[in-house]
């Protein structure tokens, strides 16, 4: 029971960090708090590093609509483009570069 509650709290803290980041309002304090909470869970042997990695990956996919690896690859491509061809980089709408595609009719960024 205590393990499940701890895992639920980890997910809640991390989801909030990701949602703030997605909204363009990253909060370093909350991010570090979530990281510390997860590290404490590992040190206290409430869960393993592999279990927390699975939680991180699942929440990242849930909130951002892509895996961490996909997001990092996309961001790396855009950073390389920005350095090599700034005009082409800025030709791409910011909402696309940030991975937020909107449904014109519904306005839902995840659609």
PDB file of N, CA and C in Angstrom:
ATOM      1  N   UNK A   1       0.828  -1.201   0.000  1.00  0.00           N
ATOM      2  CA  UNK A   1       0.000   0.000   0.000  1.00  0.00           C
ATOM      3  C   UNK A   1       0.869   1.260   0.000  1.00  0.00           C
ATOM      4  N   UNK A   2       1.888   1.295   0.863  1.00  0.00           N
ATOM      5  CA  UNK A   2       2.754   2.467   0.934  1.00  0.00           C
ATOM      6  C   UNK A   2       3.514   2.649  -0.377  1.00  0.00           C
ATOM      7  N   UNK A   3       3.924   1.539  -1.008  1.00  0.00           N
ATOM      8  CA  UNK A   3       4.634   1.621  -2.280  1.00  0.00           C
ATOM      9  C   UNK A   3       3.738   2.251  -3.337  1.00  0.00           C
ATOM     10  N   UNK A   4       2.494   1.816  -3.413  1.00  0.00           N
ATOM     11  CA  UNK A   4       1.585   2.358  -4.418  1.00  0.00           C
ATOM     12  C   UNK A   4       1.329   3.847  -4.200  1.00  0.00           C
ATOM     13  N   UNK A   5       1.193   4.243  -2.948  1.00  0.00           N
ATOM     14  CA  UNK A   5       0.972   5.668  -2.665  1.00  0.00           C
ATOM     15  C   UNK A   5       2.192   6.488  -3.073  1.00  0.00           C
ATOM     16  N   UNK A   6       3.383   5.956  -2.792  1.00  0.00           N
ATOM     17  CA  UNK A   6       4.608   6.651  -3.164  1.00  0.00           C
ATOM     18  C   UNK A   6       4.699   6.774  -4.687  1.00  0.00           C
ATOM     19  N   UNK A   7       4.397   5.696  -5.392  1.00  0.00           N
ATOM     20  CA  UNK A   7       4.414   5.727  -6.850  1.00  0.00           C
ATOM     21  C   UNK A   7       3.393   6.724  -7.395  1.00  0.00           C
ATOM     22  N   UNK A   8       2.213   6.746  -6.801  1.00  0.00           N
ATOM     23  CA  UNK A   8       1.175   7.692  -7.220  1.00  0.00           C
ATOM     24  C   UNK A   8       1.641   9.131  -7.036  1.00  0.00           C
ATOM     25  N   UNK A   9       2.289   9.394  -5.895  1.00  0.00           N
ATOM     26  CA  UNK A   9       2.804  10.744  -5.645  1.00  0.00           C
ATOM     27  C   UNK A   9       3.906  11.104  -6.642  1.00  0.00           C
ATOM     28  N   UNK A  10       4.788  10.157  -6.939  1.00  0.00           N
ATOM     29  CA  UNK A  10       5.839  10.396  -7.938  1.00  0.00           C
ATOM     30  C   UNK A  10       5.212  10.774  -9.277  1.00  0.00           C
ATOM     31  N   UNK A  11       4.217  10.021  -9.679  1.00  0.00           N
ATOM     32  CA  UNK A  11       3.555  10.295 -10.950  1.00  0.00           C
ATOM     33  C   UNK A  11       2.885  11.666 -10.942  1.00  0.00           C
ATOM     34  N   UNK A  12       2.256  11.986  -9.858  1.00  0.00           N
ATOM     35  CA  UNK A  12       1.574  13.286  -9.758  1.00  0.00           C
ATOM     36  C   UNK A  12       2.580  14.431  -9.855  1.00  0.00           C
ATOM     37  N   UNK A  13       3.705  14.333  -9.122  1.00  0.00           N
ATOM     38  CA  UNK A  13       4.722  15.385  -9.153  1.00  0.00           C
ATOM     39  C   UNK A  13       5.327  15.518 -10.546  1.00  0.00           C
ATOM     40  N   UNK A  14       5.664  14.387 -11.147  1.00  0.00           N
ATOM     41  CA  UNK A  14       6.295  14.418 -12.461  1.00  0.00           C
ATOM     42  C   UNK A  14       5.330  14.898 -13.543  1.00  0.00           C
ATOM     43  N   UNK A  15       4.084  14.467 -13.468  1.00  0.00           N
ATOM     44  CA  UNK A  15       3.070  14.929 -14.428  1.00  0.00           C
ATOM     45  C   UNK A  15       2.947  16.450 -14.364  1.00  0.00           C
ATOM     46  N   UNK A  16       2.935  16.999 -13.161  1.00  0.00           N
ATOM     47  CA  UNK A  16       2.839  18.452 -13.006  1.00  0.00           C
ATOM     48  C   UNK A  16       4.046  19.152 -13.620  1.00  0.00           C
ATOM     49  N   UNK A  17       5.239  18.607 -13.418  1.00  0.00           N
ATOM     50  CA  UNK A  17       6.456  19.185 -14.001  1.00  0.00           C
ATOM     51  C   UNK A  17       6.356  19.183 -15.522  1.00  0.00           C
ATOM     52  N   UNK A  18       5.938  18.062 -16.085  1.00  0.00           N
ATOM     53  CA  UNK A  18       5.815  17.957 -17.536  1.00  0.00           C
ATOM     54  C   UNK A  18       4.731  18.884 -18.077  1.00  0.00           C
ATOM     55  N   UNK A  19       3.607  18.983 -17.392  1.00  0.00           N
ATOM     56  CA  UNK A  19       2.524  19.845 -17.857  1.00  0.00           C
ATOM     57  C   UNK A  19       2.938  21.319 -17.821  1.00  0.00           C
ATOM     58  N   UNK A  20       3.666  21.710 -16.798  1.00  0.00           N
ATOM     59  CA  UNK A  20       4.161  23.086 -16.733  1.00  0.00           C
ATOM     60  C   UNK A  20       5.135  23.355 -17.875  1.00  0.00           C
ATOM     61  N   UNK A  21       5.989  22.402 -18.142  1.00  0.00           N
ATOM     62  CA  UNK A  21       6.939  22.542 -19.243  1.00  0.00           C
ATOM     63  C   UNK A  21       6.208  22.652 -20.576  1.00  0.00           C
ATOM     64  N   UNK A  22       5.212  21.819 -20.775  1.00  0.00           N
ATOM     65  CA  UNK A  22       4.425  21.848 -22.006  1.00  0.00           C
ATOM     66  C   UNK A  22       3.726  23.197 -22.180  1.00  0.00           C
ATOM     67  N   UNK A  23       3.298  23.778 -21.076  1.00  0.00           N
ATOM     68  CA  UNK A  23       2.612  25.068 -21.117  1.00  0.00           C
ATOM     69  C   UNK A  23       3.585  26.240 -21.258  1.00  0.00           C
ATOM     70  N   UNK A  24       4.888  25.935 -21.313  1.00  0.00           N
ATOM     71  CA  UNK A  24       5.880  26.994 -21.458  1.00  0.00           C
ATOM     72  C   UNK A  24       6.210  27.700 -20.159  1.00  0.00           C
ATOM     73  N   UNK A  25       5.895  27.052 -19.033  1.00  0.00           N
ATOM     74  CA  UNK A  25       6.168  27.637 -17.715  1.00  0.00           C
ATOM     75  C   UNK A  25       6.951  26.650 -16.846  1.00  0.00           C
ATOM     76  N   UNK A  26       8.149  26.245 -17.286  1.00  0.00           N
ATOM     77  CA  UNK A  26       8.898  25.265 -16.489  1.00  0.00           C
ATOM     78  C   UNK A  26       9.200  25.815 -15.092  1.00  0.00           C
ATOM     79  N   UNK A  27       9.172  24.926 -14.132  1.00  0.00           N
ATOM     80  CA  UNK A  27       9.406  25.302 -12.738  1.00  0.00           C
ATOM     81  C   UNK A  27      10.549  24.446 -12.211  1.00  0.00           C
ATOM     82  N   UNK A  28      11.732  25.047 -12.093  1.00  0.00           N
ATOM     83  CA  UNK A  28      12.927  24.318 -11.681  1.00  0.00           C
ATOM     84  C   UNK A  28      12.788  23.740 -10.271  1.00  0.00           C
ATOM     85  N   UNK A  29      12.148  24.466  -9.389  1.00  0.00           N
ATOM     86  CA  UNK A  29      11.986  23.985  -8.013  1.00  0.00           C
ATOM     87  C   UNK A  29      11.144  22.711  -7.999  1.00  0.00           C
ATOM     88  N   UNK A  30      10.038  22.715  -8.713  1.00  0.00           N
ATOM     89  CA  UNK A  30       9.177  21.525  -8.754  1.00  0.00           C
ATOM     90  C   UNK A  30       9.883  20.368  -9.451  1.00  0.00           C
ATOM     91  N   UNK A  31      10.668  20.681 -10.487  1.00  0.00           N
ATOM     92  CA  UNK A  31      11.413  19.640 -11.185  1.00  0.00           C
ATOM     93  C   UNK A  31      12.412  18.977 -10.233  1.00  0.00           C
ATOM     94  N   UNK A  32      13.162  19.779  -9.506  1.00  0.00           N
ATOM     95  CA  UNK A  32      14.155  19.227  -8.582  1.00  0.00           C
ATOM     96  C   UNK A  32      13.493  18.470  -7.433  1.00  0.00           C
ATOM     97  N   UNK A  33      12.354  18.949  -6.987  1.00  0.00           N
ATOM     98  CA  UNK A  33      11.620  18.257  -5.934  1.00  0.00           C
ATOM     99  C   UNK A  33      11.173  16.876  -6.423  1.00  0.00           C
ATOM    100  N   UNK A  34      10.652  16.813  -7.640  1.00  0.00           N
ATOM    101  CA  UNK A  34      10.217  15.539  -8.211  1.00  0.00           C
ATOM    102  C   UNK A  34      11.402  14.598  -8.380  1.00  0.00           C
ATOM    103  N   UNK A  35      12.528  15.112  -8.859  1.00  0.00           N
ATOM    104  CA  UNK A  35      13.725  14.292  -9.026  1.00  0.00           C
ATOM    105  C   UNK A  35      14.199  13.748  -7.679  1.00  0.00           C
ATOM    106  N   UNK A  36      14.197  14.605  -6.666  1.00  0.00           N
ATOM    107  CA  UNK A  36      14.611  14.175  -5.323  1.00  0.00           C
ATOM    108  C   UNK A  36      13.675  13.136  -4.748  1.00  0.00           C
ATOM    109  N   UNK A  37      12.394  13.321  -4.988  1.00  0.00           N
ATOM    110  CA  UNK A  37      11.393  12.368  -4.504  1.00  0.00           C
ATOM    111  C   UNK A  37      11.603  11.004  -5.155  1.00  0.00           C
ATOM    112  N   UNK A  38      11.885  11.014  -6.460  1.00  0.00           N
ATOM    113  CA  UNK A  38      12.137   9.749  -7.165  1.00  0.00           C
ATOM    114  C   UNK A  38      13.427   9.104  -6.670  1.00  0.00           C
ATOM    115  N   UNK A  39      14.462   9.909  -6.490  1.00  0.00           N
ATOM    116  CA  UNK A  39      15.735   9.366  -6.005  1.00  0.00           C
ATOM    117  C   UNK A  39      15.573   8.785  -4.608  1.00  0.00           C
ATOM    118  N   UNK A  40      14.800   9.432  -3.770  1.00  0.00           N
ATOM    119  CA  UNK A  40      14.550   8.908  -2.425  1.00  0.00           C
ATOM    120  C   UNK A  40      13.854   7.556  -2.497  1.00  0.00           C
ATOM    121  N   UNK A  41      12.915   7.412  -3.425  1.00  0.00           N
ATOM    122  CA  UNK A  41      12.231   6.134  -3.597  1.00  0.00           C
ATOM    123  C   UNK A  41      13.185   5.021  -3.977  1.00  0.00           C
ATOM    124  N   UNK A  42      14.181   5.354  -4.788  1.00  0.00           N
ATOM    125  CA  UNK A  42      15.189   4.364  -5.179  1.00  0.00           C
ATOM    126  C   UNK A  42      16.077   4.022  -3.984  1.00  0.00           C
ATOM    127  N   UNK A  43      16.550   5.043  -3.273  1.00  0.00           N
ATOM    128  CA  UNK A  43      17.432   4.829  -2.117  1.00  0.00           C
ATOM    129  C   UNK A  43      16.725   4.031  -1.025  1.00  0.00           C
ATOM    130  N   UNK A  44      15.449   4.311  -0.815  1.00  0.00           N
ATOM    131  CA  UNK A  44      14.681   3.605   0.208  1.00  0.00           C
ATOM    132  C   UNK A  44      14.175   2.241  -0.275  1.00  0.00           C
ATOM    133  N   UNK A  45      14.537   1.907  -1.521  1.00  0.00           N
ATOM    134  CA  UNK A  45      14.162   0.626  -2.131  1.00  0.00           C
ATOM    135  C   UNK A  45      12.651   0.426  -2.209  1.00  0.00           C
ATOM    136  N   UNK A  46      11.950   1.521  -2.436  1.00  0.00           N
ATOM    137  CA  UNK A  46      10.510   1.457  -2.657  1.00  0.00           C
ATOM    138  C   UNK A  46      10.264   0.960  -4.077  1.00  0.00           C
ATOM    139  N   UNK A  47      11.130   1.368  -4.986  1.00  0.00           N
ATOM    140  CA  UNK A  47      11.103   0.870  -6.353  1.00  0.00           C
ATOM    141  C   UNK A  47      12.507   0.923  -6.914  1.00  0.00           C
ATOM    142  N   UNK A  48      12.693   0.320  -8.073  1.00  0.00           N
ATOM    143  CA  UNK A  48      14.010   0.287  -8.698  1.00  0.00           C
ATOM    144  C   UNK A  48      14.160   1.438  -9.686  1.00  0.00           C
ATOM    145  N   UNK A  49      15.378   1.672 -10.092  1.00  0.00           N
ATOM    146  CA  UNK A  49      15.637   2.699 -11.097  1.00  0.00           C
ATOM    147  C   UNK A  49      14.934   2.343 -12.402  1.00  0.00           C
ATOM    148  N   UNK A  50      14.850   1.054 -12.706  1.00  0.00           N
ATOM    149  CA  UNK A  50      14.168   0.614 -13.922  1.00  0.00           C
ATOM    150  C   UNK A  50      12.668   0.915 -13.842  1.00  0.00           C
ATOM    151  N   UNK A  51      12.069   0.710 -12.678  1.00  0.00           N
ATOM    152  CA  UNK A  51      10.639   1.019 -12.515  1.00  0.00           C
ATOM    153  C   UNK A  51      10.380   2.510 -12.694  1.00  0.00           C
ATOM    154  N   UNK A  52      11.243   3.348 -12.135  1.00  0.00           N
ATOM    155  CA  UNK A  52      11.038   4.793 -12.245  1.00  0.00           C
ATOM    156  C   UNK A  52      11.276   5.244 -13.681  1.00  0.00           C
ATOM    157  N   UNK A  53      12.209   4.596 -14.380  1.00  0.00           N
ATOM    158  CA  UNK A  53      12.435   4.922 -15.789  1.00  0.00           C
ATOM    159  C   UNK A  53      11.179   4.622 -16.607  1.00  0.00           C
ATOM    160  N   UNK A  54      10.531   3.524 -16.297  1.00  0.00           N
ATOM    161  CA  UNK A  54       9.291   3.169 -16.993  1.00  0.00           C
ATOM    162  C   UNK A  54       8.203   4.223 -16.730  1.00  0.00           C
ATOM    163  N   UNK A  55       8.102   4.671 -15.489  1.00  0.00           N
ATOM    164  CA  UNK A  55       7.118   5.702 -15.125  1.00  0.00           C
ATOM    165  C   UNK A  55       7.420   7.008 -15.869  1.00  0.00           C
ATOM    166  N   UNK A  56       8.682   7.386 -15.900  1.00  0.00           N
ATOM    167  CA  UNK A  56       9.081   8.620 -16.585  1.00  0.00           C
ATOM    168  C   UNK A  56       8.722   8.534 -18.064  1.00  0.00           C
ATOM    169  N   UNK A  57       9.064   7.411 -18.695  1.00  0.00           N
ATOM    170  CA  UNK A  57       8.774   7.250 -20.120  1.00  0.00           C
ATOM    171  C   UNK A  57       7.271   7.279 -20.403  1.00  0.00           C
ATOM    172  N   UNK A  58       6.494   6.600 -19.565  1.00  0.00           N
ATOM    173  CA  UNK A  58       5.045   6.551 -19.773  1.00  0.00           C
ATOM    174  C   UNK A  58       4.413   7.940 -19.603  1.00  0.00           C
ATOM    175  N   UNK A  59       4.838   8.674 -18.586  1.00  0.00           N
ATOM    176  CA  UNK A  59       4.285  10.012 -18.361  1.00  0.00           C
ATOM    177  C   UNK A  59       4.714  10.982 -19.452  1.00  0.00           C
ATOM    178  N   UNK A  60       5.943  10.839 -19.915  1.00  0.00           N
ATOM    179  CA  UNK A  60       6.425  11.707 -20.989  1.00  0.00           C
ATOM    180  C   UNK A  60       5.573  11.500 -22.237  1.00  0.00           C
ATOM    181  N   UNK A  61       5.294  10.246 -22.556  1.00  0.00           N
ATOM    182  CA  UNK A  61       4.450   9.937 -23.710  1.00  0.00           C
ATOM    183  C   UNK A  61       3.033  10.477 -23.498  1.00  0.00           C
ATOM    184  N   UNK A  62       2.519  10.324 -22.288  1.00  0.00           N
ATOM    185  CA  UNK A  62       1.161  10.802 -21.975  1.00  0.00           C
ATOM    186  C   UNK A  62       1.041  12.316 -22.130  1.00  0.00           C
ATOM    187  N   UNK A  63       1.994  13.055 -21.586  1.00  0.00           N
ATOM    188  CA  UNK A  63       1.898  14.512 -21.567  1.00  0.00           C
ATOM    189  C   UNK A  63       2.326  15.140 -22.896  1.00  0.00           C
ATOM    190  N   UNK A  64       3.451  14.679 -23.448  1.00  0.00           N
ATOM    191  CA  UNK A  64       4.004  15.307 -24.642  1.00  0.00           C
ATOM    192  C   UNK A  64       3.578  14.637 -25.947  1.00  0.00           C
ATOM    193  N   UNK A  65       3.003  13.430 -25.848  1.00  0.00           N
ATOM    194  CA  UNK A  65       2.576  12.734 -27.052  1.00  0.00           C
ATOM    195  C   UNK A  65       3.716  12.107 -27.827  1.00  0.00           C
ATOM    196  N   UNK A  66       4.885  12.022 -27.219  1.00  0.00           N
ATOM    197  CA  UNK A  66       6.049  11.399 -27.832  1.00  0.00           C
ATOM    198  C   UNK A  66       6.978  10.910 -26.726  1.00  0.00           C
ATOM    199  N   UNK A  67       7.800   9.936 -27.058  1.00  0.00           N
ATOM    200  CA  UNK A  67       8.727   9.423 -26.055  1.00  0.00           C
ATOM    201  C   UNK A  67       9.833  10.443 -25.814  1.00  0.00           C
ATOM    202  N   UNK A  68      10.577  10.255 -24.743  1.00  0.00           N
ATOM    203  CA  UNK A  68      11.701  11.149 -24.468  1.00  0.00           C
ATOM    204  C   UNK A  68      12.707  11.091 -25.604  1.00  0.00           C
ATOM    205  N   UNK A  69      12.973   9.887 -26.103  1.00  0.00           N
ATOM    206  CA  UNK A  69      13.945   9.732 -27.192  1.00  0.00           C
ATOM    207  C   UNK A  69      13.483  10.466 -28.445  1.00  0.00           C
ATOM    208  N   UNK A  70      12.201  10.360 -28.765  1.00  0.00           N
ATOM    209  CA  UNK A  70      11.663  11.065 -29.936  1.00  0.00           C
ATOM    210  C   UNK A  70      11.771  12.580 -29.754  1.00  0.00           C
ATOM    211  N   UNK A  71      11.447  13.047 -28.573  1.00  0.00           N
ATOM    212  CA  UNK A  71      11.490  14.491 -28.317  1.00  0.00           C
ATOM    213  C   UNK A  71      12.925  15.005 -28.381  1.00  0.00           C
ATOM    214  N   UNK A  72      13.855  14.255 -27.791  1.00  0.00           N
ATOM    215  CA  UNK A  72      15.259  14.667 -27.823  1.00  0.00           C
ATOM    216  C   UNK A  72      15.796  14.675 -29.249  1.00  0.00           C
ATOM    217  N   UNK A  73      15.408  13.676 -30.051  1.00  0.00           N
ATOM    218  CA  UNK A  73      15.847  13.629 -31.449  1.00  0.00           C
ATOM    219  C   UNK A  73      15.299  14.823 -32.228  1.00  0.00           C
ATOM    220  N   UNK A  74      14.017  15.124 -32.028  1.00  0.00           N
ATOM    221  CA  UNK A  74      13.392  16.254 -32.714  1.00  0.00           C
ATOM    222  C   UNK A  74      14.077  17.558 -32.321  1.00  0.00           C
ATOM    223  N   UNK A  75      14.309  17.738 -31.029  1.00  0.00           N
ATOM    224  CA  UNK A  75      14.958  18.963 -30.563  1.00  0.00           C
ATOM    225  C   UNK A  75      16.384  19.077 -31.096  1.00  0.00           C
ATOM    226  N   UNK A  76      17.100  17.966 -31.160  1.00  0.00           N
ATOM    227  CA  UNK A  76      18.466  17.973 -31.696  1.00  0.00           C
ATOM    228  C   UNK A  76      18.471  18.366 -33.167  1.00  0.00           C
ATOM    229  N   UNK A  77      17.505  17.832 -33.921  1.00  0.00           N
ATOM    230  CA  UNK A  77      17.410  18.180 -35.341  1.00  0.00           C
ATOM    231  C   UNK A  77      17.169  19.675 -35.516  1.00  0.00           C
ATOM    232  N   UNK A  78      16.273  20.232 -34.717  1.00  0.00           N
ATOM    233  CA  UNK A  78      15.989  21.659 -34.833  1.00  0.00           C
ATOM    234  C   UNK A  78      17.172  22.515 -34.384  1.00  0.00           C
ATOM    235  N   UNK A  79      17.897  22.083 -33.376  1.00  0.00           N
ATOM    236  CA  UNK A  79      19.078  22.841 -32.942  1.00  0.00           C
ATOM    237  C   UNK A  79      20.136  22.837 -34.034  1.00  0.00           C
ATOM    238  N   UNK A  80      20.332  21.690 -34.679  1.00  0.00           N
ATOM    239  CA  UNK A  80      21.300  21.608 -35.778  1.00  0.00           C
ATOM    240  C   UNK A  80      20.859  22.495 -36.938  1.00  0.00           C
ATOM    241  N   UNK A  81      19.561  22.488 -37.239  1.00  0.00           N
ATOM    242  CA  UNK A  81      19.035  23.322 -38.314  1.00  0.00           C
ATOM    243  C   UNK A  81      19.213  24.802 -37.976  1.00  0.00           C
ATOM    244  N   UNK A  82      18.978  25.153 -36.717  1.00  0.00           N
ATOM    245  CA  UNK A  82      19.119  26.554 -36.304  1.00  0.00           C
ATOM    246  C   UNK A  82      20.550  27.042 -36.531  1.00  0.00           C
ATOM    247  N   UNK A  83      21.520  26.172 -36.267  1.00  0.00           N
ATOM    248  CA  UNK A  83      22.918  26.548 -36.452  1.00  0.00           C
ATOM    249  C   UNK A  83      23.316  26.569 -37.925  1.00  0.00           C
ATOM    250  N   UNK A  84      22.813  25.620 -38.697  1.00  0.00           N
ATOM    251  CA  UNK A  84      23.238  25.501 -40.088  1.00  0.00           C
ATOM    252  C   UNK A  84      22.464  26.414 -41.039  1.00  0.00           C
ATOM    253  N   UNK A  85      21.176  26.615 -40.768  1.00  0.00           N
ATOM    254  CA  UNK A  85      20.335  27.410 -41.671  1.00  0.00           C
ATOM    255  C   UNK A  85      19.246  28.121 -40.865  1.00  0.00           C
ATOM    256  N   UNK A  86      19.617  29.230 -40.203  1.00  0.00           N
ATOM    257  CA  UNK A  86      18.648  29.925 -39.338  1.00  0.00           C
ATOM    258  C   UNK A  86      17.372  30.343 -40.057  1.00  0.00           C
ATOM    259  N   UNK A  87      17.487  30.730 -41.332  1.00  0.00           N
ATOM    260  CA  UNK A  87      16.281  31.141 -42.060  1.00  0.00           C
ATOM    261  C   UNK A  87      15.304  29.982 -42.199  1.00  0.00           C
ATOM    262  N   UNK A  88      15.812  28.809 -42.531  1.00  0.00           N
ATOM    263  CA  UNK A  88      14.951  27.635 -42.678  1.00  0.00           C
ATOM    264  C   UNK A  88      14.346  27.244 -41.321  1.00  0.00           C
ATOM    265  N   UNK A  89      15.158  27.386 -40.267  1.00  0.00           N
ATOM    266  CA  UNK A  89      14.675  27.089 -38.913  1.00  0.00           C
ATOM    267  C   UNK A  89      13.468  27.963 -38.576  1.00  0.00           C
ATOM    268  N   UNK A  90      13.592  29.261 -38.835  1.00  0.00           N
ATOM    269  CA  UNK A  90      12.512  30.181 -38.471  1.00  0.00           C
ATOM    270  C   UNK A  90      11.360  30.157 -39.466  1.00  0.00           C
ATOM    271  N   UNK A  91      11.548  29.524 -40.631  1.00  0.00           N
ATOM    272  CA  UNK A  91      10.428  29.325 -41.554  1.00  0.00           C
ATOM    273  C   UNK A  91       9.418  28.339 -40.979  1.00  0.00           C
ATOM    274  N   UNK A  92       9.899  27.440 -40.126  1.00  0.00           N
ATOM    275  CA  UNK A  92       9.034  26.445 -39.485  1.00  0.00           C
ATOM    276  C   UNK A  92       8.311  27.129 -38.317  1.00  0.00           C
ATOM    277  N   UNK A  93       6.978  27.078 -38.279  1.00  0.00           N
ATOM    278  CA  UNK A  93       6.252  27.731 -37.173  1.00  0.00           C
ATOM    279  C   UNK A  93       6.701  27.202 -35.799  1.00  0.00           C
ATOM    280  N   UNK A  94       6.801  28.089 -34.851  1.00  0.00           N
ATOM    281  CA  UNK A  94       7.264  27.721 -33.511  1.00  0.00           C
ATOM    282  C   UNK A  94       6.405  26.624 -32.895  1.00  0.00           C
ATOM    283  N   UNK A  95       5.121  26.658 -33.159  1.00  0.00           N
ATOM    284  CA  UNK A  95       4.223  25.661 -32.573  1.00  0.00           C
ATOM    285  C   UNK A  95       4.559  24.264 -33.096  1.00  0.00           C
ATOM    286  N   UNK A  96       5.056  24.182 -34.316  1.00  0.00           N
ATOM    287  CA  UNK A  96       5.481  22.902 -34.878  1.00  0.00           C
ATOM    288  C   UNK A  96       6.831  22.507 -34.295  1.00  0.00           C
ATOM    289  N   UNK A  97       7.767  23.463 -34.216  1.00  0.00           N
ATOM    290  CA  UNK A  97       9.099  23.169 -33.654  1.00  0.00           C
ATOM    291  C   UNK A  97       8.989  22.652 -32.233  1.00  0.00           C
ATOM    292  N   UNK A  98       8.021  23.145 -31.495  1.00  0.00           N
ATOM    293  CA  UNK A  98       7.858  22.727 -30.108  1.00  0.00           C
ATOM    294  C   UNK A  98       7.043  21.456 -29.977  1.00  0.00           C
ATOM    295  N   UNK A  99       6.590  20.910 -31.109  1.00  0.00           N
ATOM    296  CA  UNK A  99       5.865  19.649 -31.080  1.00  0.00           C
ATOM    297  C   UNK A  99       4.416  19.782 -30.682  1.00  0.00           C
ATOM    298  N   UNK A 100       3.878  20.983 -30.740  1.00  0.00           N
ATOM    299  CA  UNK A 100       2.484  21.202 -30.360  1.00  0.00           C
ATOM    300  C   UNK A 100       1.681  21.436 -31.626  1.00  0.00           C
ATOM    301  N   UNK A 101       1.046  20.395 -32.095  1.00  0.00           N
ATOM    302  CA  UNK A 101       0.226  20.491 -33.290  1.00  0.00           C
ATOM    303  C   UNK A 101      -1.205  20.756 -32.848  1.00  0.00           C
ATOM    304  N   UNK A 102      -1.849  21.696 -33.480  1.00  0.00           N
ATOM    305  CA  UNK A 102      -3.208  22.035 -33.061  1.00  0.00           C
ATOM    306  C   UNK A 102      -4.223  21.542 -34.066  1.00  0.00           C
ATOM    307  N   UNK A 103      -5.370  21.217 -33.567  1.00  0.00           N
ATOM    308  CA  UNK A 103      -6.512  20.888 -34.382  1.00  0.00           C
ATOM    309  C   UNK A 103      -7.241  22.205 -34.592  1.00  0.00           C
ATOM    310  N   UNK A 104      -7.260  22.705 -35.806  1.00  0.00           N
ATOM    311  CA  UNK A 104      -7.813  24.040 -36.091  1.00  0.00           C
ATOM    312  C   UNK A 104      -9.236  24.190 -35.562  1.00  0.00           C
ATOM    313  N   UNK A 105     -10.069  23.192 -35.792  1.00  0.00           N
ATOM    314  CA  UNK A 105     -11.465  23.313 -35.376  1.00  0.00           C
ATOM    315  C   UNK A 105     -11.629  23.232 -33.863  1.00  0.00           C
ATOM    316  N   UNK A 106     -10.936  22.281 -33.237  1.00  0.00           N
ATOM    317  CA  UNK A 106     -11.123  22.067 -31.811  1.00  0.00           C
ATOM    318  C   UNK A 106     -10.168  22.840 -30.942  1.00  0.00           C
ATOM    319  N   UNK A 107      -9.016  23.233 -31.513  1.00  0.00           N
ATOM    320  CA  UNK A 107      -8.029  23.964 -30.729  1.00  0.00           C
ATOM    321  C   UNK A 107      -7.299  23.091 -29.729  1.00  0.00           C
ATOM    322  N   UNK A 108      -7.423  21.769 -29.842  1.00  0.00           N
ATOM    323  CA  UNK A 108      -6.791  20.850 -28.907  1.00  0.00           C
ATOM    324  C   UNK A 108      -5.359  20.583 -29.357  1.00  0.00           C
ATOM    325  N   UNK A 109      -4.341  20.951 -28.568  1.00  0.00           N
ATOM    326  CA  UNK A 109      -2.966  20.772 -28.988  1.00  0.00           C
ATOM    327  C   UNK A 109      -2.566  19.305 -29.126  1.00  0.00           C
ATOM    328  N   UNK A 110      -3.305  18.390 -28.575  1.00  0.00           N
ATOM    329  CA  UNK A 110      -2.951  16.972 -28.668  1.00  0.00           C
ATOM    330  C   UNK A 110      -3.677  16.251 -29.789  1.00  0.00           C
ATOM    331  N   UNK A 111      -4.570  16.950 -30.466  1.00  0.00           N
ATOM    332  CA  UNK A 111      -5.348  16.306 -31.522  1.00  0.00           C
ATOM    333  C   UNK A 111      -4.514  16.058 -32.755  1.00  0.00           C
TER     334      UNK A 111
END
